[in-house]
Amino acid sequence: MAAAAPLPDTSLPRVSETSSAGQTNEELEVDEDSRMEGNSIGQSMRDKDRKIGHRRVDKSGIVSYKKKPTSELMAAIQLGIGQSVGGLSAKPERDVLMQDFGVVEVVFFPGEGSNLTPAHHYSDFRFKTYASCCFPILPRFVWHPAR
């Protein structure tokens, strides 16, 4: 009677070997397949590596989201937060009501600026602020067990 071949253990992670060029087995297989099929698979694999949802990485390494550079998005968010927080000091402090937590303020930031917003060199954008009048009082409700 012949001995049965052992079953492969699927519970352990698969270890892939790396070639001298730094490519794994699977990448080498994809490269061989892409050469045979006119680079259609290899090209689509590289595109998938560069694009995740709306996030893209171009050939020079610049990351963008919905075709806007992330540096522009970060700067626009900083401008919006600064404008939103700066506007809070102008409002008098009062008791917070339950309906204050449902308030959503939407401010449009055109590139040339407006009477409410400063001029900037980014694309026009909208900035939403949720329950802005509630944030100044939140430190009162923080519980510090060490005190």
C-alpha atoms as a PDB file:
ATOM      1  CA  MET A   1       0.000   0.000   0.000  1.00  0.00           C
ATOM      2  CA  ALA A   2       1.402   3.390  -1.005  1.00  0.00           C
ATOM      3  CA  ALA A   3       1.674   6.147   1.545  1.00  0.00           C
ATOM      4  CA  ALA A   4      -0.695   9.073   1.032  1.00  0.00           C
ATOM      5  CA  ALA A   5       0.914  12.389   0.198  1.00  0.00           C
ATOM      6  CA  PRO A   6       0.633  14.919   3.034  1.00  0.00           C
ATOM      7  CA  LEU A   7      -1.981  17.620   2.553  1.00  0.00           C
ATOM      8  CA  PRO A   8      -0.689  21.177   2.299  1.00  0.00           C
ATOM      9  CA  ASP A   9      -1.196  23.189   5.470  1.00  0.00           C
ATOM     10  CA  THR A  10      -3.427  26.119   4.534  1.00  0.00           C
ATOM     11  CA  SER A  11      -3.449  27.618   8.021  1.00  0.00           C
ATOM     12  CA  LEU A  12       0.120  28.899   7.766  1.00  0.00           C
ATOM     13  CA  PRO A  13       0.965  32.030   5.789  1.00  0.00           C
ATOM     14  CA  ARG A  14       2.479  31.418   2.391  1.00  0.00           C
ATOM     15  CA  VAL A  15       6.147  32.321   2.170  1.00  0.00           C
ATOM     16  CA  SER A  16       7.201  33.660  -1.187  1.00  0.00           C
ATOM     17  CA  GLU A  17      10.733  33.529  -2.442  1.00  0.00           C
ATOM     18  CA  THR A  18      12.412  36.673  -3.695  1.00  0.00           C
ATOM     19  CA  SER A  19      14.556  36.808  -6.817  1.00  0.00           C
ATOM     20  CA  SER A  20      17.852  38.639  -7.095  1.00  0.00           C
ATOM     21  CA  ALA A  21      15.956  41.565  -8.680  1.00  0.00           C
ATOM     22  CA  GLY A  22      13.780  41.830  -5.557  1.00  0.00           C
ATOM     23  CA  GLN A  23      10.646  40.360  -7.137  1.00  0.00           C
ATOM     24  CA  THR A  24       8.513  37.681  -5.486  1.00  0.00           C
ATOM     25  CA  ASN A  25       7.345  34.475  -7.198  1.00  0.00           C
ATOM     26  CA  GLU A  26       3.938  35.975  -7.926  1.00  0.00           C
ATOM     27  CA  GLU A  27       5.430  39.123  -9.458  1.00  0.00           C
ATOM     28  CA  LEU A  28       7.713  37.032 -11.667  1.00  0.00           C
ATOM     29  CA  GLU A  29       4.714  34.986 -12.837  1.00  0.00           C
ATOM     30  CA  VAL A  30       2.815  38.189 -13.649  1.00  0.00           C
ATOM     31  CA  ASP A  31       5.843  39.543 -15.560  1.00  0.00           C
ATOM     32  CA  GLU A  32       6.098  36.323 -17.608  1.00  0.00           C
ATOM     33  CA  ASP A  33       2.366  36.397 -18.326  1.00  0.00           C
ATOM     34  CA  SER A  34       2.498  40.070 -19.312  1.00  0.00           C
ATOM     35  CA  ARG A  35       5.330  39.443 -21.758  1.00  0.00           C
ATOM     36  CA  MET A  36       3.303  36.684 -23.386  1.00  0.00           C
ATOM     37  CA  GLU A  37       0.089  38.725 -23.527  1.00  0.00           C
ATOM     38  CA  GLY A  38       1.559  42.023 -24.703  1.00  0.00           C
ATOM     39  CA  ASN A  39       1.897  43.720 -21.284  1.00  0.00           C
ATOM     40  CA  SER A  40      -1.864  43.963 -20.724  1.00  0.00           C
ATOM     41  CA  ILE A  41      -1.758  42.199 -17.346  1.00  0.00           C
ATOM     42  CA  GLY A  42       1.454  43.846 -16.187  1.00  0.00           C
ATOM     43  CA  GLN A  43       0.138  47.295 -17.064  1.00  0.00           C
ATOM     44  CA  SER A  44      -3.162  46.735 -15.223  1.00  0.00           C
ATOM     45  CA  MET A  45      -1.324  45.401 -12.151  1.00  0.00           C
ATOM     46  CA  ARG A  46       0.862  48.517 -12.038  1.00  0.00           C
ATOM     47  CA  ASP A  47      -2.214  50.768 -12.422  1.00  0.00           C
ATOM     48  CA  LYS A  48      -3.908  48.967  -9.520  1.00  0.00           C
ATOM     49  CA  ASP A  49      -0.833  49.536  -7.352  1.00  0.00           C
ATOM     50  CA  ARG A  50      -0.950  53.268  -8.100  1.00  0.00           C
ATOM     51  CA  LYS A  51      -4.707  53.831  -7.668  1.00  0.00           C
ATOM     52  CA  ILE A  52      -6.755  52.914  -4.597  1.00  0.00           C
ATOM     53  CA  GLY A  53     -10.281  54.307  -4.798  1.00  0.00           C
ATOM     54  CA  HIS A  54      -9.878  58.008  -5.516  1.00  0.00           C
ATOM     55  CA  ARG A  55      -6.270  58.043  -4.227  1.00  0.00           C
ATOM     56  CA  ARG A  56      -3.578  58.016  -6.928  1.00  0.00           C
ATOM     57  CA  VAL A  57       0.197  58.079  -6.979  1.00  0.00           C
ATOM     58  CA  ASP A  58       1.765  59.444 -10.160  1.00  0.00           C
ATOM     59  CA  LYS A  59       5.143  58.436 -11.607  1.00  0.00           C
ATOM     60  CA  SER A  60       6.983  61.164  -9.688  1.00  0.00           C
ATOM     61  CA  GLY A  61       5.505  59.926  -6.378  1.00  0.00           C
ATOM     62  CA  ILE A  62       3.010  62.753  -5.815  1.00  0.00           C
ATOM     63  CA  VAL A  63      -0.134  61.498  -4.074  1.00  0.00           C
ATOM     64  CA  SER A  64      -3.464  62.956  -5.165  1.00  0.00           C
ATOM     65  CA  TYR A  65      -7.088  62.486  -4.151  1.00  0.00           C
ATOM     66  CA  LYS A  66      -9.747  63.027  -6.802  1.00  0.00           C
ATOM     67  CA  LYS A  67      -6.979  64.498  -9.020  1.00  0.00           C
ATOM     68  CA  LYS A  68      -6.089  67.203  -6.457  1.00  0.00           C
ATOM     69  CA  PRO A  69      -2.620  67.034  -4.829  1.00  0.00           C
ATOM     70  CA  THR A  70      -2.809  66.108  -1.161  1.00  0.00           C
ATOM     71  CA  SER A  71      -0.665  69.130  -0.272  1.00  0.00           C
ATOM     72  CA  GLU A  72      -3.413  71.382  -1.688  1.00  0.00           C
ATOM     73  CA  LEU A  73      -6.075  69.477   0.251  1.00  0.00           C
ATOM     74  CA  MET A  74      -4.118  69.763   3.518  1.00  0.00           C
ATOM     75  CA  ALA A  75      -3.577  73.493   3.047  1.00  0.00           C
ATOM     76  CA  ALA A  76      -7.277  74.053   2.240  1.00  0.00           C
ATOM     77  CA  ILE A  77      -8.308  72.109   5.357  1.00  0.00           C
ATOM     78  CA  GLN A  78      -5.897  74.178   7.478  1.00  0.00           C
ATOM     79  CA  LEU A  79      -7.330  77.379   6.017  1.00  0.00           C
ATOM     80  CA  GLY A  80     -10.895  76.191   6.717  1.00  0.00           C
ATOM     81  CA  ILE A  81     -10.103  75.159  10.300  1.00  0.00           C
ATOM     82  CA  GLY A  82      -8.328  78.447  10.978  1.00  0.00           C
ATOM     83  CA  GLN A  83     -11.268  80.428   9.636  1.00  0.00           C
ATOM     84  CA  SER A  84     -13.775  78.326  11.580  1.00  0.00           C
ATOM     85  CA  VAL A  85     -11.902  78.460  14.900  1.00  0.00           C
ATOM     86  CA  GLY A  86     -11.084  82.147  14.463  1.00  0.00           C
ATOM     87  CA  GLY A  87     -14.763  82.926  13.973  1.00  0.00           C
ATOM     88  CA  LEU A  88     -15.672  81.263  17.272  1.00  0.00           C
ATOM     89  CA  SER A  89     -13.991  83.970  19.346  1.00  0.00           C
ATOM     90  CA  ALA A  90     -16.308  86.603  17.842  1.00  0.00           C
ATOM     91  CA  LYS A  91     -19.427  84.782  19.091  1.00  0.00           C
ATOM     92  CA  PRO A  92     -20.490  85.338  22.706  1.00  0.00           C
ATOM     93  CA  GLU A  93     -20.355  82.270  24.964  1.00  0.00           C
ATOM     94  CA  ARG A  94     -23.756  80.919  25.978  1.00  0.00           C
ATOM     95  CA  ASP A  95     -25.350  77.725  27.226  1.00  0.00           C
ATOM     96  CA  VAL A  96     -25.362  74.951  24.669  1.00  0.00           C
ATOM     97  CA  LEU A  97     -28.710  73.515  23.661  1.00  0.00           C
ATOM     98  CA  MET A  98     -29.430  70.095  22.179  1.00  0.00           C
ATOM     99  CA  GLN A  99     -30.240  71.573  18.756  1.00  0.00           C
ATOM    100  CA  ASP A 100     -26.785  73.223  18.659  1.00  0.00           C
ATOM    101  CA  PHE A 101     -25.278  69.772  18.022  1.00  0.00           C
ATOM    102  CA  GLY A 102     -27.255  69.514  14.762  1.00  0.00           C
ATOM    103  CA  VAL A 103     -26.001  72.795  13.268  1.00  0.00           C
ATOM    104  CA  VAL A 104     -23.884  72.469  10.113  1.00  0.00           C
ATOM    105  CA  GLU A 105     -22.213  75.613   8.794  1.00  0.00           C
ATOM    106  CA  VAL A 106     -21.068  75.541   5.161  1.00  0.00           C
ATOM    107  CA  VAL A 107     -18.655  78.267   4.034  1.00  0.00           C
ATOM    108  CA  PHE A 108     -17.586  78.642   0.410  1.00  0.00           C
ATOM    109  CA  PHE A 109     -13.937  79.653  -0.110  1.00  0.00           C
ATOM    110  CA  PRO A 110     -13.492  81.171  -3.583  1.00  0.00           C
ATOM    111  CA  GLY A 111      -9.913  81.634  -4.741  1.00  0.00           C
ATOM    112  CA  GLU A 112     -10.273  85.421  -4.948  1.00  0.00           C
ATOM    113  CA  GLY A 113     -11.700  85.575  -1.410  1.00  0.00           C
ATOM    114  CA  SER A 114     -14.910  87.127  -0.133  1.00  0.00           C
ATOM    115  CA  ASN A 115     -16.063  89.363   2.691  1.00  0.00           C
ATOM    116  CA  LEU A 116     -15.987  86.281   5.010  1.00  0.00           C
ATOM    117  CA  THR A 117     -12.967  84.389   3.652  1.00  0.00           C
ATOM    118  CA  PRO A 118      -9.379  85.281   2.724  1.00  0.00           C
ATOM    119  CA  ALA A 119      -7.988  84.945  -0.799  1.00  0.00           C
ATOM    120  CA  HIS A 120      -5.937  81.811  -1.484  1.00  0.00           C
ATOM    121  CA  HIS A 121      -4.147  80.113  -4.386  1.00  0.00           C
ATOM    122  CA  TYR A 122      -5.983  76.755  -4.162  1.00  0.00           C
ATOM    123  CA  SER A 123      -9.035  75.578  -6.065  1.00  0.00           C
ATOM    124  CA  ASP A 124     -12.386  76.898  -4.827  1.00  0.00           C
ATOM    125  CA  PHE A 125     -13.766  74.706  -2.033  1.00  0.00           C
ATOM    126  CA  ARG A 126     -16.527  74.387   0.542  1.00  0.00           C
ATOM    127  CA  PHE A 127     -15.728  73.812   4.217  1.00  0.00           C
ATOM    128  CA  LYS A 128     -18.310  72.259   6.530  1.00  0.00           C
ATOM    129  CA  THR A 129     -18.205  72.827  10.266  1.00  0.00           C
ATOM    130  CA  TYR A 130     -20.352  70.613  12.476  1.00  0.00           C
ATOM    131  CA  ALA A 131     -21.639  71.922  15.847  1.00  0.00           C
ATOM    132  CA  SER A 132     -18.964  74.615  16.049  1.00  0.00           C
ATOM    133  CA  CYS A 133     -20.515  76.421  19.013  1.00  0.00           C
ATOM    134  CA  CYS A 134     -20.274  73.217  21.095  1.00  0.00           C
ATOM    135  CA  PHE A 135     -16.515  72.694  20.851  1.00  0.00           C
ATOM    136  CA  PRO A 136     -15.354  75.504  23.178  1.00  0.00           C
ATOM    137  CA  ILE A 137     -17.261  73.974  26.109  1.00  0.00           C
ATOM    138  CA  LEU A 138     -16.052  70.382  25.633  1.00  0.00           C
ATOM    139  CA  PRO A 139     -12.975  70.740  27.899  1.00  0.00           C
ATOM    140  CA  ARG A 140     -15.376  71.318  30.829  1.00  0.00           C
ATOM    141  CA  PHE A 141     -16.767  67.807  30.389  1.00  0.00           C
ATOM    142  CA  VAL A 142     -13.474  65.924  30.215  1.00  0.00           C
ATOM    143  CA  TRP A 143     -13.001  63.687  33.231  1.00  0.00           C
ATOM    144  CA  HIS A 144      -9.459  63.352  34.588  1.00  0.00           C
ATOM    145  CA  PRO A 145      -9.255  60.411  37.034  1.00  0.00           C
ATOM    146  CA  ALA A 146      -5.789  61.465  38.275  1.00  0.00           C
ATOM    147  CA  ARG A 147      -7.051  64.747  39.710  1.00  0.00           C
END
